[in-house]
Every structure is written in C-alpha cells, then in structure tokens.
C-alpha cells in the first residue's frame, strides 16, 4: 500500500528517512522512477549548472520571460526558509498542497520497484512532476550538485547554461577545476546550445562541448559585454546572429559578478529566440525588476544590513569585492556560520581584512561547523588588533547581538551558508527592516 500524507512536512520527513546517504551520485534509480511515472516536461527546458551564479541566472531568466508574457516554472535549491521556495510557478512560490499529489506519485513508483531515493532525488522528481502538470511555456531548472549525475539531468535541456566554475563539493566532483568542469559539462547535449558564462572556463568544459557536438556559446568569443558607471551593453558575433542590446540599466541584483550572469542569460535567450522570442523592453524590464533574496541583498536602514549566501572561496571572494565597493563604514559586523566540510580557512581569509566584529553561529544541521570551532580557527589566523569575537546558538541571536552593538553608520553582513541567511529570515525581512528603521528606539551602544 502506497503511503499517503496530507501535509507537505510529513512527506519531507519521510524523504529524509529513505536513504542512508544525503548524496548518492547516479541517475539509474531516479531515471527508473521517472520512467515508471511517465514523467515528461513538454515545454522548452533550460538547465543551469555551475559553482556560483546559478540562482541569479535562473532569477534573471525568469524575470525576463515573465515580462515577455510566458508562463514560467523555476526549480532551484536549496531553500532559505520554506521548502516551497524551491518551485516558483508564474513567479510565485508553489503552495504546499499543490505538491502532495506529486509526492504520492513518486512514492508509488518508488515502492513498486523497492528503490531507495535520497531526499534531493525524491523531492526533485516530485517538483518535476508538478511542473509537468502545469501549462508552462518554459521550465528553468537549477542543477543541485555537479551536472552529469544530478537528478535534474534526467531531462534533456533545450538550452544549457554553465556559470562560474570553482572549487566546491570536491569530495563528489573532483579535486580541481578541470574535474569539476567535466562534471558540470554533463548537462550538454548534441546540437543543443550551451552557454558558458565563466570568462575562463576549464578546458574540460570546452573539450566536452566539442566531443558531444554541442552548440557552444562562450563569453568573450561568441558574445560580449561592456559597460560604464551608468549603463552596459551586450552583443553577439555575426556567427551567432549579430544581436545587440545597448544602454541597458544594471541588473537589480547587486554585485560585480552579476554582469557575467546577465550576459549568459541574454546569450541563452538569443539561442532560443525562435522558440521563446523576447522583446528588448522585456529584457530591460526583467533585468530592472529581478529579485532574489540572499544574493548581496541590502536591507536599507541604520545600520546597513547585507545578506549573502556565499558559502565557498569563490563566492566569498566576490562578496569581499562587493563589500569593498560599498565605500567606507566605521565598522563591519559579521554574522557567520558555515558547513564543516568547506574550505573554511580560505573562506575566512577573504573577509578577515574587512571585519572588526565577528558573531559566529551554530546552524541547524549536522554538517555545520560549531560556532566555537569557527571562532577558534578565525582567532588563530587573525593578525589584526581590536577585533571582537563571540558565539551564538543560532543566526537570529547573532544578528540581534550585532544590531545591539553596531553604531548606526556601521554595517552588518550575514553570510557563510543558506542556513545563515535563512536563519535571519524566518520571521520575515520586514520585521528585521523595521528594527533598523525604528527611529524612536535609543541608538545602539558601541562595543
């Protein structure tokens, strides 16, 4: 008898108990269940892989295509607060009740063959099934880990995008960029456009594109961008259709790296122009209106609050550049929690020159490093005087302590993991913002 739950939370708890491993690389089990379900997505599919920039790329694609009038479905992971964030339909987070039938369908197909699925595999199949039952014009799928053996890769894309590639998840993907690039390149298909928005991609990515006969669109070779302080422009070579956008406003997502992501998005839309034509106005409006929580997200007020899910050395370096570009702040307060299996010393080194006050936090997952261990490691590496350190049980407590200590002209940065940012968003951003803007409250004391 197939299990049947009436609450999404019960299904998610069931998924967590099914498989002994959190990650089990391979597509055989997922593909068997998908075939048993008759899973099929009939609309054009855009698959996005990479180390960093995947979520931003998906959000920009979604925003432009919505402005062009298309019915969009977007699957991303992980989530910040609610599981339902992983699926957006027509720009809106899916309701949990809409997923129940899909979870039941996966369970029935799985139990018929006594197949064990990981949490990610089970939930991915459920979300893809939900998407397949919508009247979508386009499906945008973010790869969870790698590409070649990721559950998303059971679907053949009509266009693939590979964003920046750097060192992360090396225990699964390999010890260097070439190995990792080879795994990311697994989403390529023969004759299908693949957009590579990494300006210096591993040679393994280029070799694989040639080997499978993919239609390669490479930043700096097949498409280009340039900009000044006010605006930017984008163009393709004659071989790719001589398309051009000029006088574009910068994307609403902040950060110097967002032009790389936006350029890849425009290349993908150009490659799909016969199936998903978009107007120049849709491009302008979409880039101007795109939103994505936790990607160098600035909360206005005093002190300034920055939320960023940077969780590996490459994204941490980008965060450091973006913070440095913000200008002068008397002090920076850092709320930091991270996974224990990350390159923590390299990550910390990127931000240490910019931070005067550290608030280390535990995170609600066994993978997380303990706050005390993070603090000890950071203290051992520090060469700066007058730096303060403290530990907390959760990100919200750490943020509240930072807000009490910070002067109005200071800034607070929450980063290191999706759990770190999600932990301060559980009660919603407006409440956090209201605390910053509460002019009747006494000014915070200086540490």
Protein backbone atom coordinates (compact mmCIF):
# COMPACT_ATOMS: atom_id res chain seq x y z
CA UNK A 1 0.00 0.00 0.00
CA UNK A 2 1.38 3.39 -1.02
CA UNK A 3 1.92 5.92 1.75
CA UNK A 4 -0.26 9.00 1.63
CA UNK A 5 0.30 12.08 3.76
CA UNK A 6 -1.91 15.16 3.91
CA UNK A 7 0.86 17.56 4.94
CA UNK A 8 3.99 18.50 3.00
CA UNK A 9 6.07 18.39 6.19
CA UNK A 10 5.19 14.72 6.66
CA UNK A 11 6.34 13.92 3.13
CA UNK A 12 9.62 15.75 3.69
CA UNK A 13 10.22 13.85 6.94
CA UNK A 14 9.54 10.61 5.06
CA UNK A 15 12.05 11.57 2.36
CA UNK A 16 14.73 12.24 4.96
CA UNK A 17 14.44 8.67 6.29
CA UNK A 18 14.55 6.78 2.99
CA UNK A 19 18.23 6.68 2.09
CA UNK A 20 21.31 6.18 4.27
CA UNK A 21 23.23 8.91 2.42
CA UNK A 22 22.37 12.56 1.87
CA UNK A 23 24.08 12.42 -1.53
CA UNK A 24 24.28 9.30 -3.72
CA UNK A 25 25.62 10.22 -7.14
CA UNK A 26 23.98 8.41 -10.06
CA UNK A 27 20.92 8.60 -12.30
CA UNK A 28 19.84 4.97 -12.61
CA UNK A 29 17.39 4.94 -9.70
CA UNK A 30 15.99 8.40 -10.48
CA UNK A 31 15.55 7.52 -14.14
CA UNK A 32 13.76 4.26 -13.32
CA UNK A 33 11.27 6.04 -11.09
CA UNK A 34 10.76 8.83 -13.62
CA UNK A 35 10.07 6.31 -16.38
CA UNK A 36 7.66 4.45 -14.14
CA UNK A 37 5.84 7.74 -13.52
CA UNK A 38 5.77 8.63 -17.20
CA UNK A 39 7.44 11.91 -16.28
CA UNK A 40 7.65 14.28 -19.24
CA UNK A 41 8.05 18.05 -19.47
CA UNK A 42 6.71 19.14 -22.84
CA UNK A 43 7.81 22.79 -22.86
CA UNK A 44 11.34 24.10 -23.59
CA UNK A 45 13.77 23.32 -20.75
CA UNK A 46 16.72 25.49 -19.68
CA UNK A 47 19.15 23.74 -17.35
CA UNK A 48 21.63 25.83 -15.32
CA UNK A 49 24.79 24.36 -13.76
CA UNK A 50 27.86 25.94 -12.15
CA UNK A 51 29.52 26.61 -8.82
CA UNK A 52 28.18 30.14 -8.24
CA UNK A 53 25.65 32.33 -10.02
CA UNK A 54 23.08 29.62 -10.76
CA UNK A 55 20.31 31.11 -8.65
CA UNK A 56 20.87 34.62 -10.03
CA UNK A 57 20.91 33.28 -13.59
CA UNK A 58 17.63 31.44 -13.05
CA UNK A 59 16.03 34.51 -11.48
CA UNK A 60 17.03 36.78 -14.39
CA UNK A 61 15.78 34.26 -16.95
CA UNK A 62 12.50 34.02 -15.06
CA UNK A 63 12.08 37.77 -14.73
CA UNK A 64 12.68 38.49 -18.42
CA UNK A 65 10.48 35.63 -19.62
CA UNK A 66 7.67 36.73 -17.29
CA UNK A 67 7.93 40.24 -18.71
CA UNK A 68 7.68 38.71 -22.18
CA UNK A 69 4.38 37.09 -21.19
CA UNK A 70 5.47 33.47 -20.79
CA UNK A 71 4.23 31.04 -18.17
CA UNK A 72 7.36 30.07 -16.27
CA UNK A 73 8.29 27.30 -13.89
CA UNK A 74 11.56 27.57 -11.95
CA UNK A 75 13.17 24.86 -9.80
CA UNK A 76 16.06 25.94 -7.56
CA UNK A 77 17.72 24.56 -4.45
CA UNK A 78 18.35 24.78 -1.59
CA UNK A 79 15.72 26.99 0.01
CA UNK A 80 16.24 29.70 2.61
CA UNK A 81 13.22 29.29 4.90
CA UNK A 82 10.41 27.25 3.30
CA UNK A 83 10.73 24.18 1.09
CA UNK A 84 8.09 25.62 -1.22
CA UNK A 85 10.62 28.26 -2.31
CA UNK A 86 12.21 25.57 -4.48
CA UNK A 87 9.41 25.78 -7.05
CA UNK A 88 8.12 29.04 -8.46
CA UNK A 89 5.18 29.00 -10.87
CA UNK A 90 4.48 32.21 -12.72
CA UNK A 91 6.89 33.95 -10.37
CA UNK A 92 5.07 32.79 -7.23
CA UNK A 93 6.18 30.22 -4.66
CA UNK A 94 4.20 26.99 -5.04
CA UNK A 95 1.65 26.13 -2.38
CA UNK A 96 2.50 23.02 -0.40
CA UNK A 97 -0.88 21.44 -1.18
CA UNK A 98 -0.07 21.58 -4.90
CA UNK A 99 2.87 19.20 -4.32
CA UNK A 100 1.05 16.46 -2.39
CA UNK A 101 -0.16 14.51 -5.42
CA UNK A 102 3.32 14.58 -6.94
CA UNK A 103 4.94 13.23 -3.78
CA UNK A 104 2.39 10.42 -3.74
CA UNK A 105 3.13 9.59 -7.38
CA UNK A 106 6.85 9.38 -6.68
CA UNK A 107 6.27 7.14 -3.67
CA UNK A 108 4.05 4.79 -5.64
CA UNK A 109 6.57 4.47 -8.48
CA UNK A 110 9.43 4.03 -5.99
CA UNK A 111 7.82 1.35 -3.84
CA UNK A 112 6.74 -0.69 -6.86
CA UNK A 113 10.44 -1.28 -7.52
CA UNK A 114 11.61 -1.03 -3.88
CA UNK A 115 14.03 1.73 -4.92
CA UNK A 116 15.65 3.98 -2.34
CA UNK A 117 15.87 7.68 -3.24
CA UNK A 118 17.77 10.43 -1.45
CA UNK A 119 15.88 13.44 -0.13
CA UNK A 120 17.07 15.51 -3.10
CA UNK A 121 16.19 12.85 -5.67
CA UNK A 122 12.70 12.27 -4.27
CA UNK A 123 11.87 15.95 -3.96
CA UNK A 124 13.31 16.73 -7.39
CA UNK A 125 11.09 14.10 -9.00
CA UNK A 126 8.06 15.48 -7.15
CA UNK A 127 8.78 19.03 -8.27
CA UNK A 128 9.41 17.98 -11.88
CA UNK A 129 6.15 16.04 -11.83
CA UNK A 130 4.31 19.09 -10.51
CA UNK A 131 5.86 21.21 -13.26
CA UNK A 132 4.88 18.65 -15.91
CA UNK A 133 1.22 19.03 -14.94
CA UNK A 134 1.24 22.82 -15.40
CA UNK A 135 0.60 24.54 -18.71
CA UNK A 136 4.10 26.03 -18.78
CA UNK A 137 5.79 27.77 -21.68
CA UNK A 138 9.29 27.24 -20.25
CA UNK A 139 10.91 25.29 -17.41
CA UNK A 140 14.10 26.62 -15.78
CA UNK A 141 16.00 24.01 -13.77
CA UNK A 142 18.94 24.67 -11.46
CA UNK A 143 21.35 21.78 -11.02
CA UNK A 144 21.79 20.89 -7.36
CA UNK A 145 25.27 19.36 -7.42
CA UNK A 146 27.61 18.88 -10.38
CA UNK A 147 25.60 18.17 -13.50
CA UNK A 148 26.36 14.82 -15.11
CA UNK A 149 24.89 12.76 -12.26
CA UNK A 150 22.45 15.32 -10.81
CA UNK A 151 18.79 14.29 -10.71
CA UNK A 152 17.83 17.29 -12.87
CA UNK A 153 19.89 15.80 -15.70
CA UNK A 154 17.30 13.11 -16.42
CA UNK A 155 15.62 15.77 -18.58
CA UNK A 156 17.21 16.79 -21.87
CA UNK A 157 17.55 20.58 -22.00
CA UNK A 158 16.75 22.75 -24.99
CA UNK A 159 19.49 25.07 -23.75
CA UNK A 160 22.16 24.56 -21.10
CA UNK A 161 23.95 27.28 -19.14
CA UNK A 162 27.18 26.80 -17.21
CA UNK A 163 28.01 29.67 -14.87
CA UNK A 164 31.27 30.21 -12.98
CA UNK A 165 33.20 27.10 -12.03
CA UNK A 166 35.34 26.89 -8.93
CA UNK A 167 36.33 24.56 -6.10
CA UNK A 168 33.38 23.23 -4.12
CA UNK A 169 31.99 19.77 -3.26
CA UNK A 170 35.36 18.32 -4.23
CA UNK A 171 34.65 15.05 -2.40
CA UNK A 172 31.98 14.36 -5.05
CA UNK A 173 33.12 16.30 -8.11
CA UNK A 174 36.90 16.01 -8.10
CA UNK A 175 39.97 17.82 -6.75
CA UNK A 176 40.38 20.63 -9.31
CA UNK A 177 38.52 22.90 -11.73
CA UNK A 178 39.13 20.56 -14.67
CA UNK A 179 37.48 17.64 -12.87
CA UNK A 180 34.63 19.80 -11.62
CA UNK A 181 34.15 21.34 -15.06
CA UNK A 182 33.89 17.87 -16.58
CA UNK A 183 31.02 17.07 -14.21
CA UNK A 184 29.25 20.36 -14.92
CA UNK A 185 29.59 19.74 -18.67
CA UNK A 186 27.47 16.62 -18.32
CA UNK A 187 24.32 18.69 -18.91
CA UNK A 188 25.38 19.33 -22.54
CA UNK A 189 23.59 17.58 -25.40
CA UNK A 190 24.45 17.13 -29.08
CA UNK A 191 23.27 20.02 -31.25
CA UNK A 192 21.82 21.89 -28.26
CA UNK A 193 23.04 25.39 -27.32
CA UNK A 194 25.28 25.52 -24.26
CA UNK A 195 26.12 28.96 -22.85
CA UNK A 196 29.35 29.21 -20.87
CA UNK A 197 29.36 32.47 -18.90
CA UNK A 198 32.58 31.72 -16.99
CA UNK A 199 35.16 34.05 -18.63
CA UNK A 200 37.92 31.48 -18.04
CA UNK A 201 36.26 28.07 -18.20
CA UNK A 202 38.18 24.86 -17.59
CA UNK A 203 39.43 23.27 -20.78
CA UNK A 204 37.41 20.17 -19.89
CA UNK A 205 34.20 22.15 -20.49
CA UNK A 206 35.29 23.26 -23.95
CA UNK A 207 36.55 19.79 -24.82
CA UNK A 208 33.27 18.18 -23.81
CA UNK A 209 31.25 20.65 -25.87
CA UNK A 210 33.29 19.67 -28.91
CA UNK A 211 33.13 15.96 -28.12
CA UNK A 212 29.33 15.82 -27.89
CA UNK A 213 28.75 18.31 -30.72
CA UNK A 214 27.01 20.96 -28.60
CA UNK A 215 26.34 24.44 -29.99
CA UNK A 216 28.83 26.36 -27.83
CA UNK A 217 28.17 29.99 -26.85
CA UNK A 218 31.24 31.23 -24.98
CA UNK A 219 31.61 34.54 -23.18
CA UNK A 220 34.38 36.61 -24.75
CA UNK A 221 34.25 34.62 -28.00
CA UNK A 222 30.64 34.29 -29.15
CA UNK A 223 29.09 37.04 -27.03
CA UNK A 224 30.50 40.07 -25.22
CA UNK A 225 29.53 42.77 -22.76
CA UNK A 226 30.91 46.18 -21.83
CA UNK A 227 29.80 48.95 -19.52
CA UNK A 228 30.50 52.21 -17.75
CA UNK A 229 29.27 53.69 -14.49
CA UNK A 230 25.73 54.27 -15.78
CA UNK A 231 24.88 51.52 -18.25
CA UNK A 232 26.09 48.45 -20.09
CA UNK A 233 25.70 46.73 -23.43
CA UNK A 234 25.77 43.21 -24.85
CA UNK A 235 26.31 41.74 -28.31
CA UNK A 236 26.95 38.52 -30.19
CA UNK A 237 29.28 37.76 -33.10
CA UNK A 238 28.00 37.50 -36.65
CA UNK A 239 28.14 33.70 -36.39
CA UNK A 240 25.60 33.86 -33.55
CA UNK A 241 23.24 36.26 -35.26
CA UNK A 242 24.73 39.74 -34.65
CA UNK A 243 22.30 40.59 -31.89
CA UNK A 244 22.86 43.65 -29.72
CA UNK A 245 21.46 45.38 -26.64
CA UNK A 246 22.77 48.82 -25.72
CA UNK A 247 22.07 51.31 -22.96
CA UNK A 248 20.92 48.65 -20.50
CA UNK A 249 20.46 49.54 -16.86
CA UNK A 250 22.44 47.36 -14.50
CA UNK A 251 20.57 44.31 -13.13
CA UNK A 252 18.65 44.91 -9.92
CA UNK A 253 20.70 42.11 -8.32
CA UNK A 254 23.76 43.77 -6.82
CA UNK A 255 27.35 42.67 -7.27
CA UNK A 256 30.08 42.98 -9.87
CA UNK A 257 29.62 39.34 -10.92
CA UNK A 258 26.01 39.87 -11.99
CA UNK A 259 27.00 41.17 -15.42
CA UNK A 260 28.57 37.77 -16.13
CA UNK A 261 25.31 36.09 -15.17
CA UNK A 262 23.18 38.57 -17.12
CA UNK A 263 25.36 38.12 -20.20
CA UNK A 264 24.85 34.37 -20.06
CA UNK A 265 21.09 34.90 -19.73
CA UNK A 266 20.97 37.09 -22.84
CA UNK A 267 23.01 34.52 -24.76
CA UNK A 268 20.58 31.75 -23.76
CA UNK A 269 17.57 33.82 -24.79
CA UNK A 270 19.26 34.62 -28.10
CA UNK A 271 19.97 30.93 -28.68
CA UNK A 272 16.27 30.16 -28.03
CA UNK A 273 14.87 33.18 -29.89
CA UNK A 274 13.00 31.03 -32.43
CA UNK A 275 11.08 29.21 -29.69
CA UNK A 276 10.94 31.89 -26.98
CA UNK A 277 11.22 35.31 -28.61
CA UNK A 278 11.55 38.24 -26.21
CA UNK A 279 11.44 41.96 -26.89
CA UNK A 280 14.14 44.43 -25.91
CA UNK A 281 11.64 46.01 -23.50
CA UNK A 282 11.08 42.67 -21.78
CA UNK A 283 14.85 42.36 -21.33
CA UNK A 284 15.11 45.86 -19.86
CA UNK A 285 12.14 45.44 -17.54
CA UNK A 286 13.14 41.94 -16.49
CA UNK A 287 16.68 42.92 -15.51
CA UNK A 288 15.41 46.02 -13.71
CA UNK A 289 12.79 44.12 -11.69
CA UNK A 290 14.56 40.85 -10.85
CA UNK A 291 14.63 39.87 -7.18
CA UNK A 292 16.43 37.07 -5.36
CA UNK A 293 16.79 37.00 -1.57
CA UNK A 294 20.22 36.44 -0.11
CA UNK A 295 22.37 37.42 -3.08
CA UNK A 296 24.20 40.50 -1.85
CA UNK A 297 20.81 41.69 -0.63
CA UNK A 298 20.99 45.06 1.08
CA UNK A 299 18.40 45.97 3.69
CA UNK A 300 18.14 49.75 3.96
CA UNK A 301 18.30 51.47 7.29
CA UNK A 302 20.76 52.07 10.08
CA UNK A 303 22.97 50.15 10.31
CA UNK A 304 23.02 48.74 6.78
CA UNK A 305 22.30 45.02 6.64
CA UNK A 306 23.77 42.80 3.88
CA UNK A 307 22.57 39.22 3.35
CA UNK A 308 24.63 36.89 1.16
CA UNK A 309 24.59 33.09 0.85
CA UNK A 310 28.30 33.00 -0.14
CA UNK A 311 29.50 29.59 1.04
CA UNK A 312 32.73 28.73 -0.80
CA UNK A 313 36.04 30.54 -1.51
CA UNK A 314 34.97 31.81 -4.94
CA UNK A 315 31.69 33.34 -3.76
CA UNK A 316 33.43 34.65 -0.64
CA UNK A 317 35.96 36.48 -2.82
CA UNK A 318 33.10 38.03 -4.79
CA UNK A 319 31.42 39.08 -1.54
CA UNK A 320 34.67 40.73 -0.38
CA UNK A 321 34.93 42.70 -3.64
CA UNK A 322 31.30 43.80 -3.39
CA UNK A 323 31.66 44.86 0.25
CA UNK A 324 34.80 46.80 -0.56
CA UNK A 325 32.97 48.61 -3.36
CA UNK A 326 30.28 49.83 -0.93
CA UNK A 327 32.59 52.54 0.40
CA UNK A 328 33.59 53.47 3.93
CA UNK A 329 31.88 52.14 7.06
CA UNK A 330 33.31 52.78 10.53
CA UNK A 331 32.96 49.09 11.39
CA UNK A 332 31.74 45.86 9.82
CA UNK A 333 29.95 43.26 11.96
CA UNK A 334 29.97 39.73 10.51
CA UNK A 335 27.39 37.05 11.36
CA UNK A 336 28.97 33.84 10.11
CA UNK A 337 28.01 30.17 10.09
CA UNK A 338 29.22 27.53 7.65
CA UNK A 339 29.41 23.84 6.82
CA UNK A 340 32.32 21.96 8.39
CA UNK A 341 33.29 20.35 5.05
CA UNK A 342 34.05 23.69 3.38
CA UNK A 343 37.49 25.26 2.91
CA UNK A 344 36.93 27.39 5.98
CA UNK A 345 40.42 28.88 6.28
CA UNK A 346 40.35 30.19 2.70
CA UNK A 347 36.82 31.47 3.16
CA UNK A 348 37.68 33.33 6.35
CA UNK A 349 40.85 34.84 4.89
CA UNK A 350 38.78 36.56 2.18
CA UNK A 351 36.71 38.50 4.71
CA UNK A 352 39.02 38.98 7.69
CA UNK A 353 40.57 42.25 6.43
CA UNK A 354 37.09 43.79 6.23
CA UNK A 355 35.61 42.70 9.56
CA UNK A 356 36.08 44.23 13.02
CA UNK A 357 33.44 42.27 14.93
CA UNK A 358 32.65 38.56 14.48
CA UNK A 359 29.46 36.79 15.59
CA UNK A 360 29.86 33.07 14.95
CA UNK A 361 26.73 30.94 14.94
CA UNK A 362 25.75 27.29 15.13
CA UNK A 363 23.48 26.10 12.32
CA UNK A 364 20.62 23.55 12.47
CA UNK A 365 22.29 20.73 10.50
CA UNK A 366 24.82 18.03 11.43
CA UNK A 367 27.05 19.19 8.56
CA UNK A 368 27.62 22.59 10.14
CA UNK A 369 30.80 23.63 11.90
CA UNK A 370 30.35 24.55 15.55
CA UNK A 371 30.44 28.25 16.30
CA UNK A 372 33.18 27.72 18.88
CA UNK A 373 35.35 25.89 16.32
CA UNK A 374 34.85 28.67 13.77
CA UNK A 375 35.83 31.28 16.32
CA UNK A 376 38.94 29.35 17.38
CA UNK A 377 40.04 28.95 13.77
CA UNK A 378 39.48 32.62 12.98
CA UNK A 379 41.30 33.75 16.13
CA UNK A 380 44.31 31.59 15.26
CA UNK A 381 44.51 33.18 11.81
CA UNK A 382 43.90 36.81 12.82
CA UNK A 383 46.71 39.33 12.77
CA UNK A 384 44.52 42.37 13.46
CA UNK A 385 44.20 44.13 16.79
CA UNK A 386 40.94 45.24 18.38
CA UNK A 387 38.86 42.50 16.72
CA UNK A 388 35.99 41.13 18.85
CA UNK A 389 34.65 37.57 18.81
CA UNK A 390 31.52 35.92 20.17
CA UNK A 391 29.45 32.77 19.60
CA UNK A 392 25.70 32.14 19.43
CA UNK A 393 23.28 29.24 19.21
CA UNK A 394 21.54 30.44 16.05
CA UNK A 395 21.80 33.15 13.36
CA UNK A 396 18.94 35.25 14.75
CA UNK A 397 20.60 35.56 18.15
CA UNK A 398 23.86 36.52 16.44
CA UNK A 399 22.13 39.16 14.32
CA UNK A 400 20.33 40.63 17.33
CA UNK A 401 23.64 40.90 19.18
CA UNK A 402 25.23 42.61 16.17
CA UNK A 403 22.35 45.07 15.95
CA UNK A 404 22.70 45.94 19.64
CA UNK A 405 26.44 46.53 19.25
CA UNK A 406 26.58 48.32 15.92
CA UNK A 407 26.55 52.09 15.55
CA UNK A 408 24.02 53.50 13.05
CA UNK A 409 26.76 54.18 10.48
CA UNK A 410 28.15 50.62 10.67
CA UNK A 411 27.18 47.67 8.52
CA UNK A 412 26.24 44.08 9.37
CA UNK A 413 26.92 41.20 6.98
CA UNK A 414 25.22 37.81 7.33
CA UNK A 415 26.88 35.12 5.23
CA UNK A 416 28.53 31.68 5.03
CA UNK A 417 25.57 29.41 4.23
CA UNK A 418 21.96 29.28 3.10
CA UNK A 419 21.25 28.30 6.71
CA UNK A 420 22.90 31.50 7.98
CA UNK A 421 20.78 33.77 5.80
CA UNK A 422 17.67 31.63 6.15
CA UNK A 423 18.05 31.74 9.91
CA UNK A 424 17.62 35.53 9.99
CA UNK A 425 14.73 35.47 7.51
CA UNK A 426 12.48 33.05 9.42
CA UNK A 427 10.38 35.87 10.80
CA UNK A 428 10.47 37.74 7.52
CA UNK A 429 12.54 40.63 6.24
CA UNK A 430 10.04 43.42 7.12
CA UNK A 431 10.46 42.74 10.84
CA UNK A 432 14.24 42.96 10.56
CA UNK A 433 13.95 46.10 8.50
CA UNK A 434 11.57 47.67 11.00
CA UNK A 435 14.12 47.21 13.76
CA UNK A 436 16.68 49.09 11.70
CA UNK A 437 14.29 51.93 10.92
CA UNK A 438 12.78 52.33 14.39
CA UNK A 439 13.81 55.95 14.93
CA UNK A 440 12.11 56.10 18.35
CA UNK A 441 14.42 53.46 19.76
CA UNK A 442 17.61 54.56 21.57
CA UNK A 443 20.76 54.29 19.48
CA UNK A 444 22.65 51.00 19.81
CA UNK A 445 25.54 51.02 22.23
CA UNK A 446 29.09 50.93 20.92
CA UNK A 447 31.29 47.99 21.80
